[in-house]
C-alpha atoms as a PDB file:
ATOM      1  CA  UNK A   1      17.017 -40.930  45.883  1.00  0.00           C
ATOM      2  CA  UNK A   2      15.188 -40.942  49.140  1.00  0.00           C
ATOM      3  CA  UNK A   3      14.103 -37.356  49.203  1.00  0.00           C
ATOM      4  CA  UNK A   4      10.917 -35.634  50.782  1.00  0.00           C
ATOM      5  CA  UNK A   5      11.531 -32.785  48.235  1.00  0.00           C
ATOM      6  CA  UNK A   6      11.527 -35.087  45.336  1.00  0.00           C
ATOM      7  CA  UNK A   7       8.860 -37.061  46.548  1.00  0.00           C
ATOM      8  CA  UNK A   8       6.457 -34.115  46.963  1.00  0.00           C
ATOM      9  CA  UNK A   9       7.672 -32.756  43.274  1.00  0.00           C
ATOM     10  CA  UNK A  10       6.562 -36.316  41.880  1.00  0.00           C
ATOM     11  CA  UNK A  11       3.207 -36.287  43.638  1.00  0.00           C
ATOM     12  CA  UNK A  12       4.027 -38.740  46.328  1.00  0.00           C
ATOM     13  CA  UNK A  13       2.411 -38.465  49.774  1.00  0.00           C
ATOM     14  CA  UNK A  14       4.688 -37.548  52.613  1.00  0.00           C
ATOM     15  CA  UNK A  15       4.188 -37.038  56.290  1.00  0.00           C
ATOM     16  CA  UNK A  16       5.271 -33.068  56.069  1.00  0.00           C
ATOM     17  CA  UNK A  17       5.817 -30.580  53.403  1.00  0.00           C
ATOM     18  CA  UNK A  18       9.614 -30.379  52.587  1.00  0.00           C
ATOM     19  CA  UNK A  19      11.480 -27.039  53.197  1.00  0.00           C
ATOM     20  CA  UNK A  20      14.228 -24.940  51.667  1.00  0.00           C
ATOM     21  CA  UNK A  21      14.664 -21.276  51.277  1.00  0.00           C
ATOM     22  CA  UNK A  22      15.588 -19.183  48.326  1.00  0.00           C
ATOM     23  CA  UNK A  23      18.930 -17.397  48.815  1.00  0.00           C
ATOM     24  CA  UNK A  24      19.700 -19.865  51.713  1.00  0.00           C
ATOM     25  CA  UNK A  25      23.280 -20.237  50.419  1.00  0.00           C
ATOM     26  CA  UNK A  26      24.777 -17.047  52.243  1.00  0.00           C
ATOM     27  CA  UNK A  27      23.476 -13.839  53.934  1.00  0.00           C
ATOM     28  CA  UNK A  28      22.178 -15.405  57.177  1.00  0.00           C
ATOM     29  CA  UNK A  29      24.655 -18.129  57.535  1.00  0.00           C
ATOM     30  CA  UNK A  30      27.594 -17.180  60.019  1.00  0.00           C
ATOM     31  CA  UNK A  31      29.832 -19.813  58.382  1.00  0.00           C
ATOM     32  CA  UNK A  32      29.262 -18.180  54.980  1.00  0.00           C
ATOM     33  CA  UNK A  33      29.912 -14.401  56.457  1.00  0.00           C
ATOM     34  CA  UNK A  34      33.232 -15.907  57.611  1.00  0.00           C
ATOM     35  CA  UNK A  35      34.087 -17.070  53.919  1.00  0.00           C
ATOM     36  CA  UNK A  36      33.264 -13.592  52.714  1.00  0.00           C
ATOM     37  CA  UNK A  37      35.735 -11.986  55.090  1.00  0.00           C
ATOM     38  CA  UNK A  38      38.442 -14.169  52.975  1.00  0.00           C
ATOM     39  CA  UNK A  39      36.872 -14.573  49.412  1.00  0.00           C
ATOM     40  CA  UNK A  40      34.897 -12.416  47.125  1.00  0.00           C
ATOM     41  CA  UNK A  41      31.683 -13.171  45.874  1.00  0.00           C
ATOM     42  CA  UNK A  42      33.086 -14.105  42.515  1.00  0.00           C
ATOM     43  CA  UNK A  43      35.736 -16.209  43.997  1.00  0.00           C
ATOM     44  CA  UNK A  44      33.427 -18.174  45.682  1.00  0.00           C
ATOM     45  CA  UNK A  45      31.313 -18.847  42.497  1.00  0.00           C
ATOM     46  CA  UNK A  46      34.368 -19.598  40.318  1.00  0.00           C
ATOM     47  CA  UNK A  47      36.095 -22.140  42.560  1.00  0.00           C
ATOM     48  CA  UNK A  48      34.340 -25.537  42.261  1.00  0.00           C
ATOM     49  CA  UNK A  49      35.259 -26.334  45.814  1.00  0.00           C
ATOM     50  CA  UNK A  50      34.159 -23.283  47.681  1.00  0.00           C
ATOM     51  CA  UNK A  51      30.893 -23.069  45.477  1.00  0.00           C
ATOM     52  CA  UNK A  52      30.182 -26.610  46.844  1.00  0.00           C
ATOM     53  CA  UNK A  53      30.872 -25.915  50.354  1.00  0.00           C
ATOM     54  CA  UNK A  54      28.451 -22.892  50.181  1.00  0.00           C
ATOM     55  CA  UNK A  55      25.816 -24.591  48.137  1.00  0.00           C
ATOM     56  CA  UNK A  56      25.757 -27.213  50.999  1.00  0.00           C
ATOM     57  CA  UNK A  57      26.126 -25.244  54.011  1.00  0.00           C
ATOM     58  CA  UNK A  58      22.453 -24.650  54.435  1.00  0.00           C
ATOM     59  CA  UNK A  59      21.944 -28.432  54.624  1.00  0.00           C
ATOM     60  CA  UNK A  60      24.303 -28.915  57.483  1.00  0.00           C
ATOM     61  CA  UNK A  61      23.662 -25.539  59.163  1.00  0.00           C
ATOM     62  CA  UNK A  62      19.987 -25.188  58.772  1.00  0.00           C
ATOM     63  CA  UNK A  63      18.682 -28.790  58.049  1.00  0.00           C
ATOM     64  CA  UNK A  64      16.995 -27.863  54.799  1.00  0.00           C
ATOM     65  CA  UNK A  65      15.653 -30.687  52.692  1.00  0.00           C
ATOM     66  CA  UNK A  66      17.193 -29.695  49.165  1.00  0.00           C
ATOM     67  CA  UNK A  67      20.352 -27.396  48.376  1.00  0.00           C
ATOM     68  CA  UNK A  68      20.358 -24.752  45.524  1.00  0.00           C
ATOM     69  CA  UNK A  69      23.326 -24.279  43.309  1.00  0.00           C
ATOM     70  CA  UNK A  70      25.429 -21.022  44.572  1.00  0.00           C
ATOM     71  CA  UNK A  71      25.632 -19.037  41.562  1.00  0.00           C
ATOM     72  CA  UNK A  72      23.844 -15.657  40.199  1.00  0.00           C
ATOM     73  CA  UNK A  73      21.223 -15.388  37.366  1.00  0.00           C
ATOM     74  CA  UNK A  74      23.752 -12.825  35.719  1.00  0.00           C
ATOM     75  CA  UNK A  75      25.936 -15.545  34.618  1.00  0.00           C
ATOM     76  CA  UNK A  76      24.069 -15.515  31.419  1.00  0.00           C
ATOM     77  CA  UNK A  77      24.795 -11.959  30.460  1.00  0.00           C
ATOM     78  CA  UNK A  78      28.310 -12.467  31.182  1.00  0.00           C
ATOM     79  CA  UNK A  79      28.373 -15.264  28.907  1.00  0.00           C
ATOM     80  CA  UNK A  80      26.849 -13.007  26.320  1.00  0.00           C
ATOM     81  CA  UNK A  81      29.723 -11.069  26.469  1.00  0.00           C
ATOM     82  CA  UNK A  82      28.762  -8.357  28.870  1.00  0.00           C
ATOM     83  CA  UNK A  83      31.519  -7.548  31.427  1.00  0.00           C
ATOM     84  CA  UNK A  84      29.999  -7.748  34.667  1.00  0.00           C
ATOM     85  CA  UNK A  85      31.486  -6.983  38.131  1.00  0.00           C
ATOM     86  CA  UNK A  86      30.251  -8.062  41.475  1.00  0.00           C
ATOM     87  CA  UNK A  87      30.468  -4.936  43.675  1.00  0.00           C
ATOM     88  CA  UNK A  88      29.686  -4.514  47.412  1.00  0.00           C
ATOM     89  CA  UNK A  89      26.435  -2.522  46.176  1.00  0.00           C
ATOM     90  CA  UNK A  90      25.422  -5.356  44.019  1.00  0.00           C
ATOM     91  CA  UNK A  91      26.428  -6.515  40.462  1.00  0.00           C
ATOM     92  CA  UNK A  92      27.114  -4.031  37.818  1.00  0.00           C
ATOM     93  CA  UNK A  93      27.743  -4.168  34.127  1.00  0.00           C
ATOM     94  CA  UNK A  94      30.539  -1.890  32.517  1.00  0.00           C
ATOM     95  CA  UNK A  95      28.254  -0.894  29.702  1.00  0.00           C
ATOM     96  CA  UNK A  96      24.416  -1.012  30.157  1.00  0.00           C
ATOM     97  CA  UNK A  97      22.434  -2.056  26.882  1.00  0.00           C
ATOM     98  CA  UNK A  98      20.473   1.179  27.489  1.00  0.00           C
ATOM     99  CA  UNK A  99      23.542   3.055  26.312  1.00  0.00           C
ATOM    100  CA  UNK A 100      23.871   1.212  22.897  1.00  0.00           C
ATOM    101  CA  UNK A 101      22.278   2.494  19.884  1.00  0.00           C
ATOM    102  CA  UNK A 102      21.888  -1.410  18.693  1.00  0.00           C
ATOM    103  CA  UNK A 103      22.054  -3.455  21.956  1.00  0.00           C
ATOM    104  CA  UNK A 104      21.649  -6.824  19.949  1.00  0.00           C
ATOM    105  CA  UNK A 105      25.036  -6.166  18.283  1.00  0.00           C
ATOM    106  CA  UNK A 106      27.194  -6.495  21.341  1.00  0.00           C
ATOM    107  CA  UNK A 107      25.664 -10.124  22.526  1.00  0.00           C
ATOM    108  CA  UNK A 108      28.238 -12.598  21.327  1.00  0.00           C
ATOM    109  CA  UNK A 109      27.266 -16.166  23.073  1.00  0.00           C
ATOM    110  CA  UNK A 110      30.168 -18.120  24.569  1.00  0.00           C
ATOM    111  CA  UNK A 111      28.861 -21.073  26.241  1.00  0.00           C
ATOM    112  CA  UNK A 112      32.361 -22.220  27.572  1.00  0.00           C
ATOM    113  CA  UNK A 113      32.193 -19.097  29.842  1.00  0.00           C
ATOM    114  CA  UNK A 114      29.794 -21.293  31.785  1.00  0.00           C
ATOM    115  CA  UNK A 115      31.940 -24.418  32.266  1.00  0.00           C
ATOM    116  CA  UNK A 116      32.971 -23.467  35.646  1.00  0.00           C
ATOM    117  CA  UNK A 117      29.439 -23.789  36.841  1.00  0.00           C
ATOM    118  CA  UNK A 118      29.300 -27.305  35.506  1.00  0.00           C
ATOM    119  CA  UNK A 119      32.486 -28.046  37.453  1.00  0.00           C
ATOM    120  CA  UNK A 120      30.701 -26.648  40.678  1.00  0.00           C
ATOM    121  CA  UNK A 121      27.816 -29.051  40.050  1.00  0.00           C
ATOM    122  CA  UNK A 122      29.994 -32.060  39.526  1.00  0.00           C
ATOM    123  CA  UNK A 123      31.701 -31.068  43.005  1.00  0.00           C
ATOM    124  CA  UNK A 124      28.413 -30.739  44.812  1.00  0.00           C
ATOM    125  CA  UNK A 125      27.083 -34.063  43.335  1.00  0.00           C
ATOM    126  CA  UNK A 126      30.288 -35.753  44.481  1.00  0.00           C
ATOM    127  CA  UNK A 127      30.102 -34.095  48.032  1.00  0.00           C
ATOM    128  CA  UNK A 128      26.630 -33.951  48.919  1.00  0.00           C
ATOM    129  CA  UNK A 129      24.528 -36.046  51.375  1.00  0.00           C
ATOM    130  CA  UNK A 130      22.730 -38.893  49.230  1.00  0.00           C
ATOM    131  CA  UNK A 131      19.483 -37.984  50.532  1.00  0.00           C
ATOM    132  CA  UNK A 132      19.736 -34.416  49.426  1.00  0.00           C
ATOM    133  CA  UNK A 133      18.766 -33.318  45.837  1.00  0.00           C
ATOM    134  CA  UNK A 134      20.420 -30.411  44.200  1.00  0.00           C
ATOM    135  CA  UNK A 135      18.125 -27.526  42.543  1.00  0.00           C
ATOM    136  CA  UNK A 136      19.871 -25.716  39.703  1.00  0.00           C
ATOM    137  CA  UNK A 137      18.391 -22.508  38.331  1.00  0.00           C
ATOM    138  CA  UNK A 138      18.513 -19.576  35.950  1.00  0.00           C
ATOM    139  CA  UNK A 139      16.920 -16.112  35.878  1.00  0.00           C
ATOM    140  CA  UNK A 140      13.854 -15.785  33.523  1.00  0.00           C
ATOM    141  CA  UNK A 141      14.569 -13.938  30.304  1.00  0.00           C
ATOM    142  CA  UNK A 142      12.753 -10.825  31.233  1.00  0.00           C
ATOM    143  CA  UNK A 143      14.323 -10.307  34.581  1.00  0.00           C
ATOM    144  CA  UNK A 144      17.862 -11.185  33.145  1.00  0.00           C
ATOM    145  CA  UNK A 145      17.036  -8.470  30.313  1.00  0.00           C
ATOM    146  CA  UNK A 146      16.009  -5.869  32.914  1.00  0.00           C
ATOM    147  CA  UNK A 147      19.483  -6.066  34.608  1.00  0.00           C
ATOM    148  CA  UNK A 148      21.289  -5.995  30.920  1.00  0.00           C
ATOM    149  CA  UNK A 149      19.406  -2.951  30.025  1.00  0.00           C
ATOM    150  CA  UNK A 150      19.754  -0.852  33.308  1.00  0.00           C
ATOM    151  CA  UNK A 151      23.162  -2.026  34.048  1.00  0.00           C
ATOM    152  CA  UNK A 152      23.008  -2.228  37.610  1.00  0.00           C
ATOM    153  CA  UNK A 153      20.784  -3.573  40.388  1.00  0.00           C
ATOM    154  CA  UNK A 154      20.161  -0.504  42.630  1.00  0.00           C
ATOM    155  CA  UNK A 155      16.710   0.730  40.993  1.00  0.00           C
ATOM    156  CA  UNK A 156      14.312  -2.158  40.761  1.00  0.00           C
ATOM    157  CA  UNK A 157      11.716  -0.474  38.782  1.00  0.00           C
ATOM    158  CA  UNK A 158      14.044  -1.050  35.763  1.00  0.00           C
ATOM    159  CA  UNK A 159      12.658   2.190  33.904  1.00  0.00           C
ATOM    160  CA  UNK A 160      14.834   1.771  30.754  1.00  0.00           C
ATOM    161  CA  UNK A 161      14.186  -1.844  30.512  1.00  0.00           C
ATOM    162  CA  UNK A 162      10.298  -1.511  30.872  1.00  0.00           C
ATOM    163  CA  UNK A 163      10.564   1.281  28.268  1.00  0.00           C
ATOM    164  CA  UNK A 164      12.210  -0.462  25.840  1.00  0.00           C
ATOM    165  CA  UNK A 165       9.598  -3.199  25.941  1.00  0.00           C
ATOM    166  CA  UNK A 166       6.938  -0.314  24.877  1.00  0.00           C
ATOM    167  CA  UNK A 167       9.105   1.599  22.398  1.00  0.00           C
ATOM    168  CA  UNK A 168      10.806  -1.249  20.539  1.00  0.00           C
ATOM    169  CA  UNK A 169       9.062  -4.535  20.632  1.00  0.00           C
ATOM    170  CA  UNK A 170      11.112  -6.138  17.760  1.00  0.00           C
ATOM    171  CA  UNK A 171      14.312  -5.162  19.557  1.00  0.00           C
ATOM    172  CA  UNK A 172      12.800  -6.583  22.988  1.00  0.00           C
ATOM    173  CA  UNK A 173      12.067  -9.894  21.320  1.00  0.00           C
ATOM    174  CA  UNK A 174      15.569 -10.214  19.651  1.00  0.00           C
ATOM    175  CA  UNK A 175      17.277  -9.702  22.987  1.00  0.00           C
ATOM    176  CA  UNK A 176      14.949 -12.140  24.765  1.00  0.00           C
ATOM    177  CA  UNK A 177      15.599 -14.723  22.046  1.00  0.00           C
ATOM    178  CA  UNK A 178      19.302 -14.559  22.545  1.00  0.00           C
ATOM    179  CA  UNK A 179      18.843 -14.691  26.193  1.00  0.00           C
ATOM    180  CA  UNK A 180      16.460 -17.733  26.085  1.00  0.00           C
ATOM    181  CA  UNK A 181      18.658 -19.600  23.801  1.00  0.00           C
ATOM    182  CA  UNK A 182      21.720 -19.666  25.754  1.00  0.00           C
ATOM    183  CA  UNK A 183      19.560 -20.115  29.001  1.00  0.00           C
ATOM    184  CA  UNK A 184      18.110 -23.312  27.443  1.00  0.00           C
ATOM    185  CA  UNK A 185      21.581 -24.636  26.961  1.00  0.00           C
ATOM    186  CA  UNK A 186      22.680 -23.683  30.326  1.00  0.00           C
ATOM    187  CA  UNK A 187      19.583 -25.174  32.054  1.00  0.00           C
ATOM    188  CA  UNK A 188      19.947 -28.377  30.002  1.00  0.00           C
ATOM    189  CA  UNK A 189      23.721 -28.829  30.885  1.00  0.00           C
ATOM    190  CA  UNK A 190      22.784 -28.319  34.433  1.00  0.00           C
ATOM    191  CA  UNK A 191      20.400 -31.240  34.450  1.00  0.00           C
ATOM    192  CA  UNK A 192      23.123 -33.414  32.581  1.00  0.00           C
ATOM    193  CA  UNK A 193      25.556 -32.648  35.387  1.00  0.00           C
ATOM    194  CA  UNK A 194      22.992 -34.031  38.063  1.00  0.00           C
ATOM    195  CA  UNK A 195      20.627 -31.396  39.327  1.00  0.00           C
ATOM    196  CA  UNK A 196      17.425 -32.856  40.258  1.00  0.00           C
ATOM    197  CA  UNK A 197      15.048 -29.939  39.720  1.00  0.00           C
ATOM    198  CA  UNK A 198      15.219 -26.512  38.175  1.00  0.00           C
ATOM    199  CA  UNK A 199      13.901 -23.219  39.061  1.00  0.00           C
ATOM    200  CA  UNK A 200      13.349 -20.282  36.768  1.00  0.00           C
ATOM    201  CA  UNK A 201      13.445 -17.032  38.920  1.00  0.00           C
ATOM    202  CA  UNK A 202      11.200 -14.204  37.458  1.00  0.00           C
ATOM    203  CA  UNK A 203      12.131 -11.521  40.189  1.00  0.00           C
ATOM    204  CA  UNK A 204      10.463  -8.696  38.243  1.00  0.00           C
ATOM    205  CA  UNK A 205       7.261 -10.258  36.755  1.00  0.00           C
ATOM    206  CA  UNK A 206       5.256  -7.360  38.661  1.00  0.00           C
ATOM    207  CA  UNK A 207       6.987  -4.531  36.703  1.00  0.00           C
ATOM    208  CA  UNK A 208       4.339  -4.996  33.638  1.00  0.00           C
ATOM    209  CA  UNK A 209       0.876  -5.750  33.344  1.00  0.00           C
ATOM    210  CA  UNK A 210       0.006  -9.465  33.778  1.00  0.00           C
ATOM    211  CA  UNK A 211      -1.845  -9.665  30.657  1.00  0.00           C
ATOM    212  CA  UNK A 212       1.299  -8.269  28.886  1.00  0.00           C
ATOM    213  CA  UNK A 213       3.605 -10.626  30.709  1.00  0.00           C
ATOM    214  CA  UNK A 214       1.508 -13.663  29.469  1.00  0.00           C
ATOM    215  CA  UNK A 215       1.702 -12.368  26.062  1.00  0.00           C
ATOM    216  CA  UNK A 216       5.266 -11.449  25.596  1.00  0.00           C
ATOM    217  CA  UNK A 217       7.294 -13.302  28.363  1.00  0.00           C
ATOM    218  CA  UNK A 218       5.709 -16.605  28.958  1.00  0.00           C
ATOM    219  CA  UNK A 219       6.530 -18.210  25.586  1.00  0.00           C
ATOM    220  CA  UNK A 220      10.210 -17.609  26.570  1.00  0.00           C
ATOM    221  CA  UNK A 221       9.776 -19.099  30.115  1.00  0.00           C
ATOM    222  CA  UNK A 222       7.809 -22.131  28.441  1.00  0.00           C
ATOM    223  CA  UNK A 223      10.801 -22.849  26.007  1.00  0.00           C
ATOM    224  CA  UNK A 224      13.135 -23.138  29.029  1.00  0.00           C
ATOM    225  CA  UNK A 225      10.935 -25.151  31.020  1.00  0.00           C
ATOM    226  CA  UNK A 226      10.110 -27.344  28.266  1.00  0.00           C
ATOM    227  CA  UNK A 227      13.748 -28.099  27.316  1.00  0.00           C
ATOM    228  CA  UNK A 228      14.439 -29.173  31.051  1.00  0.00           C
ATOM    229  CA  UNK A 229      11.400 -31.190  31.234  1.00  0.00           C
ATOM    230  CA  UNK A 230      12.008 -33.048  28.135  1.00  0.00           C
ATOM    231  CA  UNK A 231      15.122 -34.381  30.018  1.00  0.00           C
ATOM    232  CA  UNK A 232      12.999 -35.583  33.002  1.00  0.00           C
ATOM    233  CA  UNK A 233      13.705 -32.734  35.395  1.00  0.00           C
ATOM    234  CA  UNK A 234      11.041 -31.010  37.126  1.00  0.00           C
ATOM    235  CA  UNK A 235      10.493 -27.220  36.995  1.00  0.00           C
ATOM    236  CA  UNK A 236       9.637 -24.532  39.492  1.00  0.00           C
ATOM    237  CA  UNK A 237       8.655 -21.178  38.457  1.00  0.00           C
ATOM    238  CA  UNK A 238       8.706 -18.153  40.537  1.00  0.00           C
ATOM    239  CA  UNK A 239       6.725 -15.139  38.882  1.00  0.00           C
ATOM    240  CA  UNK A 240       7.177 -12.563  41.662  1.00  0.00           C
ATOM    241  CA  UNK A 241       4.574  -9.857  41.566  1.00  0.00           C
ATOM    242  CA  UNK A 242       2.548 -11.493  38.813  1.00  0.00           C
ATOM    243  CA  UNK A 243      -0.497 -11.239  41.172  1.00  0.00           C
ATOM    244  CA  UNK A 244      -3.755 -12.691  39.721  1.00  0.00           C
ATOM    245  CA  UNK A 245      -1.813 -13.418  36.578  1.00  0.00           C
ATOM    246  CA  UNK A 246      -0.974 -16.830  37.987  1.00  0.00           C
ATOM    247  CA  UNK A 247      -4.216 -18.025  37.068  1.00  0.00           C
ATOM    248  CA  UNK A 248      -2.924 -18.095  33.434  1.00  0.00           C
ATOM    249  CA  UNK A 249       0.275 -20.348  34.275  1.00  0.00           C
ATOM    250  CA  UNK A 250      -0.434 -23.865  32.531  1.00  0.00           C
ATOM    251  CA  UNK A 251       0.778 -27.215  33.282  1.00  0.00           C
ATOM    252  CA  UNK A 252       3.122 -27.102  30.396  1.00  0.00           C
ATOM    253  CA  UNK A 253       5.029 -23.985  31.876  1.00  0.00           C
ATOM    254  CA  UNK A 254       5.998 -25.481  35.284  1.00  0.00           C
ATOM    255  CA  UNK A 255       5.502 -28.509  37.716  1.00  0.00           C
ATOM    256  CA  UNK A 256       5.327 -25.905  40.585  1.00  0.00           C
ATOM    257  CA  UNK A 257       4.660 -22.461  40.995  1.00  0.00           C
ATOM    258  CA  UNK A 258       6.710 -20.465  43.693  1.00  0.00           C
ATOM    259  CA  UNK A 259       4.082 -17.842  45.241  1.00  0.00           C
ATOM    260  CA  UNK A 260       5.328 -14.541  46.308  1.00  0.00           C
ATOM    261  CA  UNK A 261       4.302 -13.215  49.909  1.00  0.00           C
ATOM    262  CA  UNK A 262       1.858 -10.768  48.306  1.00  0.00           C
ATOM    263  CA  UNK A 263      -0.519 -13.694  47.387  1.00  0.00           C
ATOM    264  CA  UNK A 264      -2.032 -15.645  50.223  1.00  0.00           C
ATOM    265  CA  UNK A 265      -1.354 -19.303  49.739  1.00  0.00           C
ATOM    266  CA  UNK A 266      -4.980 -20.347  50.014  1.00  0.00           C
ATOM    267  CA  UNK A 267      -5.795 -18.022  47.280  1.00  0.00           C
ATOM    268  CA  UNK A 268      -3.020 -19.146  45.201  1.00  0.00           C
ATOM    269  CA  UNK A 269      -4.381 -22.690  45.465  1.00  0.00           C
ATOM    270  CA  UNK A 270      -7.814 -21.467  44.009  1.00  0.00           C
ATOM    271  CA  UNK A 271      -6.035 -19.673  41.305  1.00  0.00           C
ATOM    272  CA  UNK A 272      -3.392 -22.100  40.081  1.00  0.00           C
ATOM    273  CA  UNK A 273      -4.262 -25.042  37.631  1.00  0.00           C
ATOM    274  CA  UNK A 274      -4.828 -28.120  40.011  1.00  0.00           C
ATOM    275  CA  UNK A 275      -2.050 -30.122  38.194  1.00  0.00           C
ATOM    276  CA  UNK A 276       0.647 -27.614  39.349  1.00  0.00           C
ATOM    277  CA  UNK A 277       2.084 -27.776  42.862  1.00  0.00           C
ATOM    278  CA  UNK A 278       2.800 -24.765  44.984  1.00  0.00           C
ATOM    279  CA  UNK A 279       5.975 -23.478  46.780  1.00  0.00           C
ATOM    280  CA  UNK A 280       6.019 -20.552  49.074  1.00  0.00           C
ATOM    281  CA  UNK A 281       5.098 -18.220  50.461  1.00  0.00           C
ATOM    282  CA  UNK A 282       6.365 -16.889  53.700  1.00  0.00           C
ATOM    283  CA  UNK A 283       7.077 -13.118  53.913  1.00  0.00           C
ATOM    284  CA  UNK A 284      10.966 -13.202  54.414  1.00  0.00           C
ATOM    285  CA  UNK A 285      10.804 -10.003  56.432  1.00  0.00           C
ATOM    286  CA  UNK A 286       8.681 -11.964  59.274  1.00  0.00           C
ATOM    287  CA  UNK A 287      12.048 -13.578  60.181  1.00  0.00           C
ATOM    288  CA  UNK A 288      13.100 -10.109  61.381  1.00  0.00           C
ATOM    289  CA  UNK A 289      10.337 -10.400  64.148  1.00  0.00           C
ATOM    290  CA  UNK A 290      10.693 -12.196  67.567  1.00  0.00           C
ATOM    291  CA  UNK A 291      10.027 -16.024  67.860  1.00  0.00           C
ATOM    292  CA  UNK A 292       6.389 -15.850  69.149  1.00  0.00           C
ATOM    293  CA  UNK A 293       5.308 -13.548  66.205  1.00  0.00           C
ATOM    294  CA  UNK A 294       7.097 -16.080  63.765  1.00  0.00           C
ATOM    295  CA  UNK A 295       5.428 -19.112  65.513  1.00  0.00           C
ATOM    296  CA  UNK A 296       1.949 -17.320  65.343  1.00  0.00           C
ATOM    297  CA  UNK A 297       2.355 -16.830  61.454  1.00  0.00           C
ATOM    298  CA  UNK A 298       3.704 -20.199  60.889  1.00  0.00           C
ATOM    299  CA  UNK A 299       0.884 -22.004  62.574  1.00  0.00           C
ATOM    300  CA  UNK A 300      -1.552 -20.518  60.074  1.00  0.00           C
ATOM    301  CA  UNK A 301       0.163 -22.810  57.315  1.00  0.00           C
ATOM    302  CA  UNK A 302      -0.797 -26.081  59.276  1.00  0.00           C
ATOM    303  CA  UNK A 303      -4.463 -26.137  57.813  1.00  0.00           C
ATOM    304  CA  UNK A 304      -3.398 -25.774  54.293  1.00  0.00           C
ATOM    305  CA  UNK A 305      -0.327 -28.119  54.659  1.00  0.00           C
ATOM    306  CA  UNK A 306      -2.548 -30.644  55.974  1.00  0.00           C
ATOM    307  CA  UNK A 307      -4.796 -30.784  53.195  1.00  0.00           C
ATOM    308  CA  UNK A 308      -2.240 -29.872  50.311  1.00  0.00           C
ATOM    309  CA  UNK A 309       0.368 -32.513  49.454  1.00  0.00           C
ATOM    310  CA  UNK A 310       1.597 -30.683  46.524  1.00  0.00           C
ATOM    311  CA  UNK A 311       3.439 -27.987  48.691  1.00  0.00           C
ATOM    312  CA  UNK A 312       6.851 -27.074  49.371  1.00  0.00           C
ATOM    313  CA  UNK A 313       7.325 -24.659  52.256  1.00  0.00           C
ATOM    314  CA  UNK A 314       9.640 -21.630  51.236  1.00  0.00           C
ATOM    315  CA  UNK A 315       9.718 -18.067  51.619  1.00  0.00           C
ATOM    316  CA  UNK A 316       7.620 -15.772  49.133  1.00  0.00           C
ATOM    317  CA  UNK A 317      11.169 -14.473  48.134  1.00  0.00           C
ATOM    318  CA  UNK A 318      14.757 -14.791  49.267  1.00  0.00           C
ATOM    319  CA  UNK A 319      16.410 -14.265  52.475  1.00  0.00           C
ATOM    320  CA  UNK A 320      17.190 -10.635  53.469  1.00  0.00           C
ATOM    321  CA  UNK A 321      20.205  -9.449  54.997  1.00  0.00           C
ATOM    322  CA  UNK A 322      20.005  -8.938  58.718  1.00  0.00           C
ATOM    323  CA  UNK A 323      17.934 -11.912  59.392  1.00  0.00           C
ATOM    324  CA  UNK A 324      19.142 -13.629  62.321  1.00  0.00           C
ATOM    325  CA  UNK A 325      20.434 -17.264  61.778  1.00  0.00           C
ATOM    326  CA  UNK A 326      18.323 -18.429  64.656  1.00  0.00           C
ATOM    327  CA  UNK A 327      14.840 -17.303  63.390  1.00  0.00           C
ATOM    328  CA  UNK A 328      15.846 -19.410  60.067  1.00  0.00           C
ATOM    329  CA  UNK A 329      16.761 -22.407  61.969  1.00  0.00           C
ATOM    330  CA  UNK A 330      13.364 -21.924  63.893  1.00  0.00           C
ATOM    331  CA  UNK A 331      11.615 -22.081  60.685  1.00  0.00           C
ATOM    332  CA  UNK A 332      13.073 -25.410  59.659  1.00  0.00           C
ATOM    333  CA  UNK A 333      12.720 -26.964  63.028  1.00  0.00           C
ATOM    334  CA  UNK A 334       9.310 -25.950  63.045  1.00  0.00           C
ATOM    335  CA  UNK A 335       8.333 -27.277  59.580  1.00  0.00           C
ATOM    336  CA  UNK A 336      10.175 -30.871  60.568  1.00  0.00           C
ATOM    337  CA  UNK A 337       8.417 -30.933  64.107  1.00  0.00           C
ATOM    338  CA  UNK A 338       4.879 -29.985  63.458  1.00  0.00           C
ATOM    339  CA  UNK A 339       2.309 -32.570  63.211  1.00  0.00           C
ATOM    340  CA  UNK A 340       0.753 -31.752  59.890  1.00  0.00           C
ATOM    341  CA  UNK A 341      -2.264 -34.185  60.205  1.00  0.00           C
ATOM    342  CA  UNK A 342      -1.465 -36.108  57.177  1.00  0.00           C
ATOM    343  CA  UNK A 343      -2.728 -39.724  56.236  1.00  0.00           C
END
């Protein structure tokens, strides 16, 4: 595949960094919002044709260099037997694990509940442009557990999930193990169906101290990453909020580290192992600003991008509601049209 994204992932020199966005398949796209007037989020996910259409929308509408599967990290809890509803205010479980005396007793893995996602991947691979790679993904076990314990996504401090980690380490490990086992199968099946890269989303790494995260959570992340990489698929890891703890991420954990907007990209490069490439880290809220402010900030990346070949341009987190489509397109066009002074 002739792909600037895959060339960068594989360490080949390119004239510019590739660009894509987290949460690019939705929210800021007018065509997506039109679809949402006719279909629920769940309907879009469960229809291979609609999921493929949404996945590829940012390729056509924004001009990004890679597509990411249109799905949700909470498909894993659903496949573990937790009844999940996607409401207008976010996902919500009928029964949260915090309400149960023995949370592990209700988790019954059924991998067949993920088959519709593989059907969507097949449709995406069949219909996508040849030069556009597809990125697969899953939630990291800790982030997935946070939602399962809390039951809904409105409180992003997840107090009950964090309390469980401190009160009952044995139960925490039992739950993380169940989540990880199914996530490994899910990730490997995505690779078998054709994804060219895989991202592990740890949206809530910053909820606990970085040394505790390294001790308890990284072994589970590493298990997923190693399974994917054994199939020849590169891994991108986003540990949002981990701060200076990113210095502990090792090459066996990921090929690329996605840097959040709290960490300056230059500092991240000094902290992260030299064998690991970087992705990120534009503050998504900048795209609420005017054109001049956006361009002024973007120019600050040119020096870094001219020196750093192992870098994928992306946000430090996903698109937010209310970001103008024109601003997202402005960023893509700027990345493609800028002279990066690479030899």
